[in-house]
Amino acid sequence: MRFTQDMTSAFGEWLECDRIRHALIAERPDIASRTTLHPQRPMLRIHLPGGDVVVARAGDDGPAAWIVGVAASPDPVLHDASSAESATALALTLLDRS
C-alpha cells in the first residue's frame, strides 16, 4: 500500500498530538486520568472543573499550527500556537491558572 501525502500529513499530526499529550503528562502527572484524545481528529481535552483545556490541530490555511484554549462558559479563551512545543507551553500555563 502506498501512502498519499494527505495520509502522511494526517498521521504526522496524530503523532504530534500524542507527543504534546505525553509532554503535558510528564510535567503534570495529575492530569493523566483526565486527558482524552479525540477519536477522529488530532485534538486532546483535559477535563477540569472550571473548563476543559483543549489542544487541537489548526487548519492548514492559517499561520497557527495548533489552537490551545479553555472551553469555559461564559468566556472561552483561545490562543494560537506556532508549534507543538509552544502549544505544550501554553497548555501548561493554562493548567497552572486552573
PDB file of N, CA and C in Angstrom:
ATOM      1  N   MET A   1       0.845  -1.177   0.000  1.00  0.00           N
ATOM      2  CA  MET A   1       0.000   0.000   0.000  1.00  0.00           C
ATOM      3  C   MET A   1       0.891   1.241   0.000  1.00  0.00           C
ATOM      4  N   ARG A   2       0.565   2.175  -0.814  1.00  0.00           N
ATOM      5  CA  ARG A   2       1.284   3.447  -0.874  1.00  0.00           C
ATOM      6  C   ARG A   2       0.497   4.496  -0.104  1.00  0.00           C
ATOM      7  N   PHE A   3       1.221   5.309   0.626  1.00  0.00           N
ATOM      8  CA  PHE A   3       0.582   6.374   1.388  1.00  0.00           C
ATOM      9  C   PHE A   3       0.559   7.653   0.570  1.00  0.00           C
ATOM     10  N   THR A   4      -0.577   8.311   0.588  1.00  0.00           N
ATOM     11  CA  THR A   4      -0.683   9.602  -0.081  1.00  0.00           C
ATOM     12  C   THR A   4      -0.099  10.680   0.823  1.00  0.00           C
ATOM     13  N   GLN A   5       0.121  11.848   0.261  1.00  0.00           N
ATOM     14  CA  GLN A   5       0.626  12.964   1.062  1.00  0.00           C
ATOM     15  C   GLN A   5      -0.363  13.331   2.170  1.00  0.00           C
ATOM     16  N   ASP A   6      -1.654  13.289   1.873  1.00  0.00           N
ATOM     17  CA  ASP A   6      -2.673  13.579   2.894  1.00  0.00           C
ATOM     18  C   ASP A   6      -2.626  12.572   4.039  1.00  0.00           C
ATOM     19  N   MET A   7      -2.443  11.300   3.713  1.00  0.00           N
ATOM     20  CA  MET A   7      -2.369  10.273   4.749  1.00  0.00           C
ATOM     21  C   MET A   7      -1.124  10.466   5.617  1.00  0.00           C
ATOM     22  N   THR A   8      -0.023  10.787   4.995  1.00  0.00           N
ATOM     23  CA  THR A   8       1.217  11.016   5.725  1.00  0.00           C
ATOM     24  C   THR A   8       1.093  12.218   6.637  1.00  0.00           C
ATOM     25  N   SER A   9       0.504  13.306   6.134  1.00  0.00           N
ATOM     26  CA  SER A   9       0.311  14.511   6.948  1.00  0.00           C
ATOM     27  C   SER A   9      -0.597  14.241   8.131  1.00  0.00           C
ATOM     28  N   ALA A  10      -1.700  13.535   7.891  1.00  0.00           N
ATOM     29  CA  ALA A  10      -2.642  13.236   8.969  1.00  0.00           C
ATOM     30  C   ALA A  10      -1.977  12.386  10.043  1.00  0.00           C
ATOM     31  N   PHE A  11      -1.200  11.393   9.642  1.00  0.00           N
ATOM     32  CA  PHE A  11      -0.512  10.541  10.618  1.00  0.00           C
ATOM     33  C   PHE A  11       0.488  11.366  11.422  1.00  0.00           C
ATOM     34  N   GLY A  12       1.197  12.270  10.761  1.00  0.00           N
ATOM     35  CA  GLY A  12       2.145  13.137  11.453  1.00  0.00           C
ATOM     36  C   GLY A  12       1.460  14.027  12.472  1.00  0.00           C
ATOM     37  N   GLU A  13       0.281  14.533  12.130  1.00  0.00           N
ATOM     38  CA  GLU A  13      -0.474  15.372  13.066  1.00  0.00           C
ATOM     39  C   GLU A  13      -0.898  14.571  14.291  1.00  0.00           C
ATOM     40  N   TRP A  14      -1.314  13.319  14.115  1.00  0.00           N
ATOM     41  CA  TRP A  14      -1.682  12.464  15.243  1.00  0.00           C
ATOM     42  C   TRP A  14      -0.472  12.199  16.134  1.00  0.00           C
ATOM     43  N   LEU A  15       0.678  11.934  15.520  1.00  0.00           N
ATOM     44  CA  LEU A  15       1.890  11.702  16.306  1.00  0.00           C
ATOM     45  C   LEU A  15       2.275  12.943  17.101  1.00  0.00           C
ATOM     46  N   GLU A  16       2.158  14.103  16.468  1.00  0.00           N
ATOM     47  CA  GLU A  16       2.484  15.350  17.147  1.00  0.00           C
ATOM     48  C   GLU A  16       1.538  15.607  18.320  1.00  0.00           C
ATOM     49  N   CYS A  17       0.264  15.325  18.120  1.00  0.00           N
ATOM     50  CA  CYS A  17      -0.720  15.490  19.192  1.00  0.00           C
ATOM     51  C   CYS A  17      -0.398  14.549  20.355  1.00  0.00           C
ATOM     52  N   ASP A  18      -0.020  13.325  20.044  1.00  0.00           N
ATOM     53  CA  ASP A  18       0.332  12.382  21.093  1.00  0.00           C
ATOM     54  C   ASP A  18       1.607  12.825  21.811  1.00  0.00           C
ATOM     55  N   ARG A  19       2.544  13.425  21.081  1.00  0.00           N
ATOM     56  CA  ARG A  19       3.763  13.951  21.702  1.00  0.00           C
ATOM     57  C   ARG A  19       3.423  15.082  22.678  1.00  0.00           C
ATOM     58  N   ILE A  20       2.471  15.940  22.301  1.00  0.00           N
ATOM     59  CA  ILE A  20       2.015  17.006  23.196  1.00  0.00           C
ATOM     60  C   ILE A  20       1.399  16.395  24.451  1.00  0.00           C
ATOM     61  N   ARG A  21       0.569  15.383  24.270  1.00  0.00           N
ATOM     62  CA  ARG A  21      -0.085  14.719  25.412  1.00  0.00           C
ATOM     63  C   ARG A  21       0.956  14.143  26.370  1.00  0.00           C
ATOM     64  N   HIS A  22       1.945  13.454  25.829  1.00  0.00           N
ATOM     65  CA  HIS A  22       2.994  12.874  26.675  1.00  0.00           C
ATOM     66  C   HIS A  22       3.792  13.950  27.400  1.00  0.00           C
ATOM     67  N   ALA A  23       4.091  15.054  26.719  1.00  0.00           N
ATOM     68  CA  ALA A  23       4.851  16.147  27.349  1.00  0.00           C
ATOM     69  C   ALA A  23       4.047  16.776  28.490  1.00  0.00           C
ATOM     70  N   LEU A  24       2.736  16.959  28.274  1.00  0.00           N
ATOM     71  CA  LEU A  24       1.887  17.531  29.318  1.00  0.00           C
ATOM     72  C   LEU A  24       1.818  16.614  30.541  1.00  0.00           C
ATOM     73  N   ILE A  25       1.658  15.328  30.290  1.00  0.00           N
ATOM     74  CA  ILE A  25       1.545  14.379  31.401  1.00  0.00           C
ATOM     75  C   ILE A  25       2.892  14.232  32.120  1.00  0.00           C
ATOM     76  N   ALA A  26       3.991  14.358  31.399  1.00  0.00           N
ATOM     77  CA  ALA A  26       5.309  14.301  32.041  1.00  0.00           C
ATOM     78  C   ALA A  26       5.480  15.461  33.020  1.00  0.00           C
ATOM     79  N   GLU A  27       4.966  16.635  32.647  1.00  0.00           N
ATOM     80  CA  GLU A  27       5.057  17.812  33.517  1.00  0.00           C
ATOM     81  C   GLU A  27       3.996  17.820  34.611  1.00  0.00           C
ATOM     82  N   ARG A  28       2.829  17.279  34.275  1.00  0.00           N
ATOM     83  CA  ARG A  28       1.696  17.285  35.212  1.00  0.00           C
ATOM     84  C   ARG A  28       1.067  15.886  35.266  1.00  0.00           C
ATOM     85  N   PRO A  29       1.688  14.945  35.964  1.00  0.00           N
ATOM     86  CA  PRO A  29       1.148  13.576  36.030  1.00  0.00           C
ATOM     87  C   PRO A  29      -0.284  13.507  36.555  1.00  0.00           C
ATOM     88  N   ASP A  30      -0.695  14.519  37.316  1.00  0.00           N
ATOM     89  CA  ASP A  30      -2.044  14.529  37.892  1.00  0.00           C
ATOM     90  C   ASP A  30      -3.144  14.634  36.836  1.00  0.00           C
ATOM     91  N   ILE A  31      -2.807  15.019  35.608  1.00  0.00           N
ATOM     92  CA  ILE A  31      -3.845  15.164  34.565  1.00  0.00           C
ATOM     93  C   ILE A  31      -3.999  13.914  33.702  1.00  0.00           C
ATOM     94  N   ALA A  32      -3.194  12.890  33.943  1.00  0.00           N
ATOM     95  CA  ALA A  32      -3.209  11.701  33.080  1.00  0.00           C
ATOM     96  C   ALA A  32      -4.604  11.079  32.955  1.00  0.00           C
ATOM     97  N   SER A  33      -5.286  10.925  34.054  1.00  0.00           N
ATOM     98  CA  SER A  33      -6.602  10.273  34.016  1.00  0.00           C
ATOM     99  C   SER A  33      -7.697  11.200  33.475  1.00  0.00           C
ATOM    100  N   ARG A  34      -7.409  12.489  33.369  1.00  0.00           N
ATOM    101  CA  ARG A  34      -8.405  13.448  32.881  1.00  0.00           C
ATOM    102  C   ARG A  34      -8.138  13.899  31.449  1.00  0.00           C
ATOM    103  N   THR A  35      -7.184  13.267  30.788  1.00  0.00           N
ATOM    104  CA  THR A  35      -6.806  13.668  29.437  1.00  0.00           C
ATOM    105  C   THR A  35      -7.307  12.631  28.435  1.00  0.00           C
ATOM    106  N   THR A  36      -8.034  13.108  27.431  1.00  0.00           N
ATOM    107  CA  THR A  36      -8.541  12.205  26.402  1.00  0.00           C
ATOM    108  C   THR A  36      -8.191  12.737  25.022  1.00  0.00           C
ATOM    109  N   LEU A  37      -7.918  11.806  24.118  1.00  0.00           N
ATOM    110  CA  LEU A  37      -7.694  12.141  22.713  1.00  0.00           C
ATOM    111  C   LEU A  37      -9.012  12.012  21.968  1.00  0.00           C
ATOM    112  N   HIS A  38      -9.260  12.933  21.063  1.00  0.00           N
ATOM    113  CA  HIS A  38     -10.461  12.862  20.235  1.00  0.00           C
ATOM    114  C   HIS A  38     -10.315  11.656  19.302  1.00  0.00           C
ATOM    115  N   PRO A  39     -11.370  10.885  19.097  1.00  0.00           N
ATOM    116  CA  PRO A  39     -11.243   9.671  18.290  1.00  0.00           C
ATOM    117  C   PRO A  39     -11.101   9.921  16.778  1.00  0.00           C
ATOM    118  N   GLN A  40     -11.420  11.130  16.306  1.00  0.00           N
ATOM    119  CA  GLN A  40     -11.432  11.345  14.861  1.00  0.00           C
ATOM    120  C   GLN A  40     -10.532  12.459  14.361  1.00  0.00           C
ATOM    121  N   ARG A  41      -9.924  13.207  15.255  1.00  0.00           N
ATOM    122  CA  ARG A  41      -9.044  14.283  14.796  1.00  0.00           C
ATOM    123  C   ARG A  41      -7.941  14.515  15.818  1.00  0.00           C
ATOM    124  N   PRO A  42      -6.850  15.167  15.403  1.00  0.00           N
ATOM    125  CA  PRO A  42      -5.748  15.409  16.338  1.00  0.00           C
ATOM    126  C   PRO A  42      -6.102  16.513  17.341  1.00  0.00           C
ATOM    127  N   MET A  43      -6.763  16.099  18.402  1.00  0.00           N
ATOM    128  CA  MET A  43      -7.204  17.025  19.436  1.00  0.00           C
ATOM    129  C   MET A  43      -7.208  16.296  20.767  1.00  0.00           C
ATOM    130  N   LEU A  44      -6.768  16.985  21.807  1.00  0.00           N
ATOM    131  CA  LEU A  44      -6.874  16.396  23.131  1.00  0.00           C
ATOM    132  C   LEU A  44      -7.580  17.362  24.061  1.00  0.00           C
ATOM    133  N   ARG A  45      -8.213  16.786  25.045  1.00  0.00           N
ATOM    134  CA  ARG A  45      -9.003  17.552  26.005  1.00  0.00           C
ATOM    135  C   ARG A  45      -8.601  17.128  27.410  1.00  0.00           C
ATOM    136  N   ILE A  46      -8.340  18.131  28.250  1.00  0.00           N
ATOM    137  CA  ILE A  46      -8.012  17.879  29.642  1.00  0.00           C
ATOM    138  C   ILE A  46      -9.210  18.363  30.455  1.00  0.00           C
ATOM    139  N   HIS A  47      -9.910  17.441  31.045  1.00  0.00           N
ATOM    140  CA  HIS A  47     -11.151  17.741  31.759  1.00  0.00           C
ATOM    141  C   HIS A  47     -10.851  18.355  33.123  1.00  0.00           C
ATOM    142  N   LEU A  48     -11.342  19.584  33.317  1.00  0.00           N
ATOM    143  CA  LEU A  48     -11.168  20.306  34.571  1.00  0.00           C
ATOM    144  C   LEU A  48     -12.508  20.867  35.023  1.00  0.00           C
ATOM    145  N   PRO A  49     -12.716  21.032  36.310  1.00  0.00           N
ATOM    146  CA  PRO A  49     -13.987  21.552  36.807  1.00  0.00           C
ATOM    147  C   PRO A  49     -14.336  22.948  36.274  1.00  0.00           C
ATOM    148  N   GLY A  50     -13.371  23.830  36.130  1.00  0.00           N
ATOM    149  CA  GLY A  50     -13.651  25.192  35.683  1.00  0.00           C
ATOM    150  C   GLY A  50     -13.767  25.365  34.181  1.00  0.00           C
ATOM    151  N   GLY A  51     -13.468  24.352  33.435  1.00  0.00           N
ATOM    152  CA  GLY A  51     -13.495  24.395  31.980  1.00  0.00           C
ATOM    153  C   GLY A  51     -12.352  23.578  31.417  1.00  0.00           C
ATOM    154  N   ASP A  52     -12.648  22.795  30.414  1.00  0.00           N
ATOM    155  CA  ASP A  52     -11.641  21.919  29.828  1.00  0.00           C
ATOM    156  C   ASP A  52     -10.580  22.711  29.076  1.00  0.00           C
ATOM    157  N   VAL A  53      -9.336  22.257  29.187  1.00  0.00           N
ATOM    158  CA  VAL A  53      -8.267  22.790  28.357  1.00  0.00           C
ATOM    159  C   VAL A  53      -8.227  21.911  27.103  1.00  0.00           C
ATOM    160  N   VAL A  54      -8.234  22.559  25.943  1.00  0.00           N
ATOM    161  CA  VAL A  54      -8.279  21.856  24.669  1.00  0.00           C
ATOM    162  C   VAL A  54      -7.059  22.241  23.846  1.00  0.00           C
ATOM    163  N   VAL A  55      -6.428  21.239  23.244  1.00  0.00           N
ATOM    164  CA  VAL A  55      -5.325  21.455  22.312  1.00  0.00           C
ATOM    165  C   VAL A  55      -5.723  20.761  21.020  1.00  0.00           C
ATOM    166  N   ALA A  56      -5.789  21.513  19.919  1.00  0.00           N
ATOM    167  CA  ALA A  56      -6.244  20.946  18.658  1.00  0.00           C
ATOM    168  C   ALA A  56      -5.395  21.443  17.499  1.00  0.00           C
ATOM    169  N   ARG A  57      -5.239  20.600  16.527  1.00  0.00           N
ATOM    170  CA  ARG A  57      -4.531  20.966  15.311  1.00  0.00           C
ATOM    171  C   ARG A  57      -5.384  21.980  14.562  1.00  0.00           C
ATOM    172  N   ALA A  58      -4.750  23.088  14.176  1.00  0.00           N
ATOM    173  CA  ALA A  58      -5.450  24.133  13.425  1.00  0.00           C
ATOM    174  C   ALA A  58      -5.519  23.731  11.951  1.00  0.00           C
ATOM    175  N   GLY A  59      -6.343  24.419  11.208  1.00  0.00           N
ATOM    176  CA  GLY A  59      -6.436  24.171   9.781  1.00  0.00           C
ATOM    177  C   GLY A  59      -5.149  24.536   9.065  1.00  0.00           C
ATOM    178  N   ASP A  60      -4.989  24.030   7.875  1.00  0.00           N
ATOM    179  CA  ASP A  60      -3.771  24.265   7.102  1.00  0.00           C
ATOM    180  C   ASP A  60      -3.679  25.662   6.522  1.00  0.00           C
ATOM    181  N   ASP A  61      -4.750  26.413   6.541  1.00  0.00           N
ATOM    182  CA  ASP A  61      -4.759  27.700   5.847  1.00  0.00           C
ATOM    183  C   ASP A  61      -4.353  28.895   6.707  1.00  0.00           C
ATOM    184  N   GLY A  62      -4.004  28.689   7.966  1.00  0.00           N
ATOM    185  CA  GLY A  62      -3.641  29.809   8.834  1.00  0.00           C
ATOM    186  C   GLY A  62      -2.204  29.719   9.308  1.00  0.00           C
ATOM    187  N   PRO A  63      -1.734  30.768   9.967  1.00  0.00           N
ATOM    188  CA  PRO A  63      -0.352  30.772  10.445  1.00  0.00           C
ATOM    189  C   PRO A  63      -0.133  29.897  11.689  1.00  0.00           C
ATOM    190  N   ALA A  64      -1.189  29.626  12.423  1.00  0.00           N
ATOM    191  CA  ALA A  64      -1.060  28.826  13.643  1.00  0.00           C
ATOM    192  C   ALA A  64      -1.130  27.338  13.307  1.00  0.00           C
ATOM    193  N   ALA A  65      -0.252  26.566  13.924  1.00  0.00           N
ATOM    194  CA  ALA A  65      -0.278  25.116  13.741  1.00  0.00           C
ATOM    195  C   ALA A  65      -1.260  24.455  14.701  1.00  0.00           C
ATOM    196  N   TRP A  66      -1.388  25.056  15.906  1.00  0.00           N
ATOM    197  CA  TRP A  66      -2.232  24.493  16.957  1.00  0.00           C
ATOM    198  C   TRP A  66      -3.063  25.594  17.599  1.00  0.00           C
ATOM    199  N   ILE A  67      -4.213  25.205  18.095  1.00  0.00           N
ATOM    200  CA  ILE A  67      -5.086  26.086  18.867  1.00  0.00           C
ATOM    201  C   ILE A  67      -5.130  25.518  20.282  1.00  0.00           C
ATOM    202  N   VAL A  68      -4.928  26.374  21.264  1.00  0.00           N
ATOM    203  CA  VAL A  68      -4.972  25.965  22.666  1.00  0.00           C
ATOM    204  C   VAL A  68      -5.976  26.869  23.359  1.00  0.00           C
ATOM    205  N   GLY A  69      -6.872  26.286  24.120  1.00  0.00           N
ATOM    206  CA  GLY A  69      -7.868  27.122  24.772  1.00  0.00           C
ATOM    207  C   GLY A  69      -8.506  26.475  25.975  1.00  0.00           C
ATOM    208  N   VAL A  70      -9.336  27.280  26.616  1.00  0.00           N
ATOM    209  CA  VAL A  70     -10.128  26.813  27.746  1.00  0.00           C
ATOM    210  C   VAL A  70     -11.587  26.943  27.335  1.00  0.00           C
ATOM    211  N   ALA A  71     -12.276  25.821  27.335  1.00  0.00           N
ATOM    212  CA  ALA A  71     -13.678  25.794  26.946  1.00  0.00           C
ATOM    213  C   ALA A  71     -14.544  26.087  28.166  1.00  0.00           C
ATOM    214  N   ALA A  72     -14.405  27.299  28.689  1.00  0.00           N
ATOM    215  CA  ALA A  72     -15.141  27.695  29.882  1.00  0.00           C
ATOM    216  C   ALA A  72     -16.322  28.578  29.485  1.00  0.00           C
ATOM    217  N   SER A  73     -17.376  28.445  30.212  1.00  0.00           N
ATOM    218  CA  SER A  73     -18.538  29.283  29.982  1.00  0.00           C
ATOM    219  C   SER A  73     -18.544  30.363  31.059  1.00  0.00           C
ATOM    220  N   PRO A  74     -18.852  31.567  30.772  1.00  0.00           N
ATOM    221  CA  PRO A  74     -19.295  32.140  29.508  1.00  0.00           C
ATOM    222  C   PRO A  74     -18.157  32.688  28.651  1.00  0.00           C
ATOM    223  N   ASP A  75     -16.917  32.608  29.088  1.00  0.00           N
ATOM    224  CA  ASP A  75     -15.817  33.233  28.367  1.00  0.00           C
ATOM    225  C   ASP A  75     -14.747  32.233  27.934  1.00  0.00           C
ATOM    226  N   PRO A  76     -14.954  31.532  26.809  1.00  0.00           N
ATOM    227  CA  PRO A  76     -13.900  30.649  26.328  1.00  0.00           C
ATOM    228  C   PRO A  76     -12.695  31.476  25.876  1.00  0.00           C
ATOM    229  N   VAL A  77     -11.518  30.917  26.030  1.00  0.00           N
ATOM    230  CA  VAL A  77     -10.285  31.601  25.672  1.00  0.00           C
ATOM    231  C   VAL A  77      -9.547  30.746  24.657  1.00  0.00           C
ATOM    232  N   LEU A  78      -9.088  31.356  23.553  1.00  0.00           N
ATOM    233  CA  LEU A  78      -8.330  30.638  22.535  1.00  0.00           C
ATOM    234  C   LEU A  78      -7.004  31.329  22.291  1.00  0.00           C
ATOM    235  N   HIS A  79      -5.971  30.536  22.084  1.00  0.00           N
ATOM    236  CA  HIS A  79      -4.641  31.044  21.763  1.00  0.00           C
ATOM    237  C   HIS A  79      -4.115  30.280  20.557  1.00  0.00           C
ATOM    238  N   ASP A  80      -3.361  30.952  19.706  1.00  0.00           N
ATOM    239  CA  ASP A  80      -2.692  30.305  18.591  1.00  0.00           C
ATOM    240  C   ASP A  80      -1.296  29.892  19.026  1.00  0.00           C
ATOM    241  N   ALA A  81      -0.860  28.740  18.556  1.00  0.00           N
ATOM    242  CA  ALA A  81       0.493  28.262  18.835  1.00  0.00           C
ATOM    243  C   ALA A  81       1.123  27.848  17.506  1.00  0.00           C
ATOM    244  N   SER A  82       2.353  28.259  17.307  1.00  0.00           N
ATOM    245  CA  SER A  82       3.011  28.003  16.029  1.00  0.00           C
ATOM    246  C   SER A  82       3.685  26.636  15.946  1.00  0.00           C
ATOM    247  N   SER A  83       3.812  25.945  17.080  1.00  0.00           N
ATOM    248  CA  SER A  83       4.468  24.636  17.083  1.00  0.00           C
ATOM    249  C   SER A  83       3.909  23.781  18.209  1.00  0.00           C
ATOM    250  N   ALA A  84       4.262  22.504  18.186  1.00  0.00           N
ATOM    251  CA  ALA A  84       3.840  21.597  19.253  1.00  0.00           C
ATOM    252  C   ALA A  84       4.441  22.030  20.587  1.00  0.00           C
ATOM    253  N   GLU A  85       5.674  22.515  20.558  1.00  0.00           N
ATOM    254  CA  GLU A  85       6.334  22.950  21.782  1.00  0.00           C
ATOM    255  C   GLU A  85       5.628  24.158  22.384  1.00  0.00           C
ATOM    256  N   SER A  86       5.254  25.125  21.546  1.00  0.00           N
ATOM    257  CA  SER A  86       4.561  26.297  22.083  1.00  0.00           C
ATOM    258  C   SER A  86       3.144  25.942  22.527  1.00  0.00           C
ATOM    259  N   ALA A  87       2.505  24.982  21.868  1.00  0.00           N
ATOM    260  CA  ALA A  87       1.186  24.525  22.313  1.00  0.00           C
ATOM    261  C   ALA A  87       1.286  23.868  23.677  1.00  0.00           C
ATOM    262  N   THR A  88       2.336  23.087  23.886  1.00  0.00           N
ATOM    263  CA  THR A  88       2.552  22.444  25.183  1.00  0.00           C
ATOM    264  C   THR A  88       2.764  23.493  26.265  1.00  0.00           C
ATOM    265  N   ALA A  89       3.601  24.483  25.984  1.00  0.00           N
ATOM    266  CA  ALA A  89       3.870  25.542  26.967  1.00  0.00           C
ATOM    267  C   ALA A  89       2.606  26.326  27.291  1.00  0.00           C
ATOM    268  N   LEU A  90       1.809  26.647  26.273  1.00  0.00           N
ATOM    269  CA  LEU A  90       0.547  27.365  26.506  1.00  0.00           C
ATOM    270  C   LEU A  90      -0.409  26.533  27.355  1.00  0.00           C
ATOM    271  N   ALA A  91      -0.527  25.270  27.029  1.00  0.00           N
ATOM    272  CA  ALA A  91      -1.429  24.393  27.791  1.00  0.00           C
ATOM    273  C   ALA A  91      -0.984  24.313  29.252  1.00  0.00           C
ATOM    274  N   LEU A  92       0.317  24.201  29.487  1.00  0.00           N
ATOM    275  CA  LEU A  92       0.816  24.159  30.864  1.00  0.00           C
ATOM    276  C   LEU A  92       0.502  25.456  31.604  1.00  0.00           C
ATOM    277  N   THR A  93       0.636  26.588  30.923  1.00  0.00           N
ATOM    278  CA  THR A  93       0.298  27.874  31.539  1.00  0.00           C
ATOM    279  C   THR A  93      -1.186  27.906  31.909  1.00  0.00           C
ATOM    280  N   LEU A  94      -2.039  27.453  30.997  1.00  0.00           N
ATOM    281  CA  LEU A  94      -3.472  27.442  31.269  1.00  0.00           C
ATOM    282  C   LEU A  94      -3.813  26.474  32.400  1.00  0.00           C
ATOM    283  N   LEU A  95      -3.115  25.342  32.456  1.00  0.00           N
ATOM    284  CA  LEU A  95      -3.355  24.393  33.552  1.00  0.00           C
ATOM    285  C   LEU A  95      -2.929  24.981  34.888  1.00  0.00           C
ATOM    286  N   ASP A  96      -1.846  25.727  34.898  1.00  0.00           N
ATOM    287  CA  ASP A  96      -1.387  26.355  36.146  1.00  0.00           C
ATOM    288  C   ASP A  96      -2.384  27.394  36.649  1.00  0.00           C
ATOM    289  N   ARG A  97      -3.119  28.018  35.738  1.00  0.00           N
ATOM    290  CA  ARG A  97      -4.119  29.017  36.128  1.00  0.00           C
ATOM    291  C   ARG A  97      -5.392  28.377  36.655  1.00  0.00           C
ATOM    292  N   SER A  98      -5.597  27.112  36.308  1.00  0.00           N
ATOM    293  CA  SER A  98      -6.845  26.422  36.685  1.00  0.00           C
ATOM    294  C   SER A  98      -6.814  25.994  38.134  1.00  0.00           C
TER     295      SER A  98
END
